[in-house]
Protein backbone atom coordinates (compact mmCIF):
# COMPACT_ATOMS: atom_id res chain seq x y z
CA THR A 1 -97.40 41.41 150.08
CA ASP A 2 -98.30 39.30 147.08
CA PRO A 3 -94.82 39.04 144.45
CA GLY A 4 -96.96 38.49 142.01
CA ASP A 5 -98.77 42.05 142.50
CA ALA A 6 -95.72 43.19 143.70
CA MET A 7 -93.80 42.03 139.87
CA MET A 8 -96.97 43.96 138.18
CA VAL A 9 -96.52 47.11 139.82
CA GLN A 10 -92.83 46.92 139.18
CA THR A 11 -93.40 45.56 135.67
CA ILE A 12 -96.11 48.75 134.96
CA ILE A 13 -93.35 51.60 136.52
CA GLY A 14 -90.73 50.42 134.59
CA ILE A 15 -92.99 50.42 131.30
CA ALA A 16 -94.82 53.78 132.20
CA ARG A 17 -90.76 55.17 133.13
CA ASN A 18 -89.73 53.74 129.68
CA PHE A 19 -92.78 56.33 127.71
CA GLY A 20 -91.41 59.16 130.38
CA PHE A 21 -94.84 58.83 131.88
CA GLU A 22 -94.34 60.13 135.42
CA ILE A 23 -96.92 57.62 137.64
CA ILE A 24 -99.04 58.40 140.18
CA ALA A 25 -100.13 55.42 142.66
CA GLU A 26 -104.15 55.28 143.13
CA GLY A 27 -105.82 53.34 145.84
CA VAL A 28 -102.73 54.08 148.72
CA GLU A 29 -104.49 53.03 151.97
CA GLU A 30 -101.50 51.71 154.29
CA GLU A 31 -97.65 52.83 155.23
CA GLY A 32 -96.38 49.83 154.11
CA GLN A 33 -98.18 50.42 150.54
CA ILE A 34 -96.23 53.47 150.12
CA LEU A 35 -93.06 52.35 151.41
CA ALA A 36 -93.29 49.23 148.69
CA LEU A 37 -93.81 51.95 145.98
CA ILE A 38 -91.27 53.46 146.90
CA GLU A 39 -88.67 50.77 146.64
CA LEU A 40 -89.76 49.84 143.28
CA GLY A 41 -89.56 54.06 142.21
CA CYS A 42 -92.96 54.95 142.36
CA GLU A 43 -92.45 58.78 143.94
CA MET A 44 -96.73 60.01 144.00
CA TYR A 45 -99.46 58.50 145.60
CA GLN A 46 -103.63 59.27 146.48
CA GLY A 47 -105.86 58.00 148.10
CA TYR A 48 -107.24 57.22 151.99
CA PHE A 49 -104.15 56.96 153.64
CA PHE A 50 -103.75 60.63 153.17
CA SER A 51 -107.42 61.53 153.08
CA PRO A 52 -110.53 60.38 151.89
CA PRO A 53 -112.43 62.25 149.02
CA VAL A 54 -113.24 65.96 150.31
CA PRO A 55 -115.22 68.39 148.69
CA LEU A 56 -113.21 70.61 146.36
CA ASP A 57 -113.21 74.23 148.74
CA GLU A 58 -111.44 72.10 151.56
CA PHE A 59 -109.51 70.18 149.21
CA GLU A 60 -107.65 73.54 147.87
CA LYS A 61 -107.37 74.30 151.99
CA LEU A 62 -105.52 71.22 152.39
CA ILE A 63 -103.31 72.11 149.77
CA CYS A 64 -102.35 75.16 151.45
CA GLU A 65 -101.65 74.01 154.85
CA TRP A 66 -99.94 71.21 152.81
CA GLN A 67 -97.82 73.87 150.55
CA ASN A 68 -96.64 75.87 154.35
CA ASN A 69 -95.83 71.81 155.89
CA SER A 70 -97.70 72.96 158.65
CA SER A 71 -99.94 69.65 158.45
CA ILE A 72 -97.85 67.49 156.91
CA PRO A 73 -96.85 64.60 159.29
CA LYS A 74 -92.67 64.04 158.91
CA ARG A 75 -93.40 60.57 157.42
CA PHE A 76 -94.09 62.18 154.75
CA GLN A 77 -92.00 65.60 154.62
CA GLN A 78 -89.15 65.32 152.47
CA SER A 79 -85.23 66.71 153.19
CA LYS A 80 -83.83 69.23 149.96
CA SER A 81 -81.66 65.98 149.74
CA ASP A 82 -84.51 63.26 149.12
CA ARG A 83 -85.91 65.38 146.46
């Protein structure tokens, strides 16, 4: 919500893109943060909005479920045209 923060994130994303890096936003806790990151061009995120830290075996189970689209909330599923 802070314009200065948004400008800083936009600058970091721009620098990373110019160097050919992929960008992963950490610490995402709210849907509004994801929407702002999408608007700024960030396509990957992690944080408590998705899941708290979990043990490796639970993480692997979550990944398998997500790959089968069985537990990804519809708002996070992308159509092939969005990818």
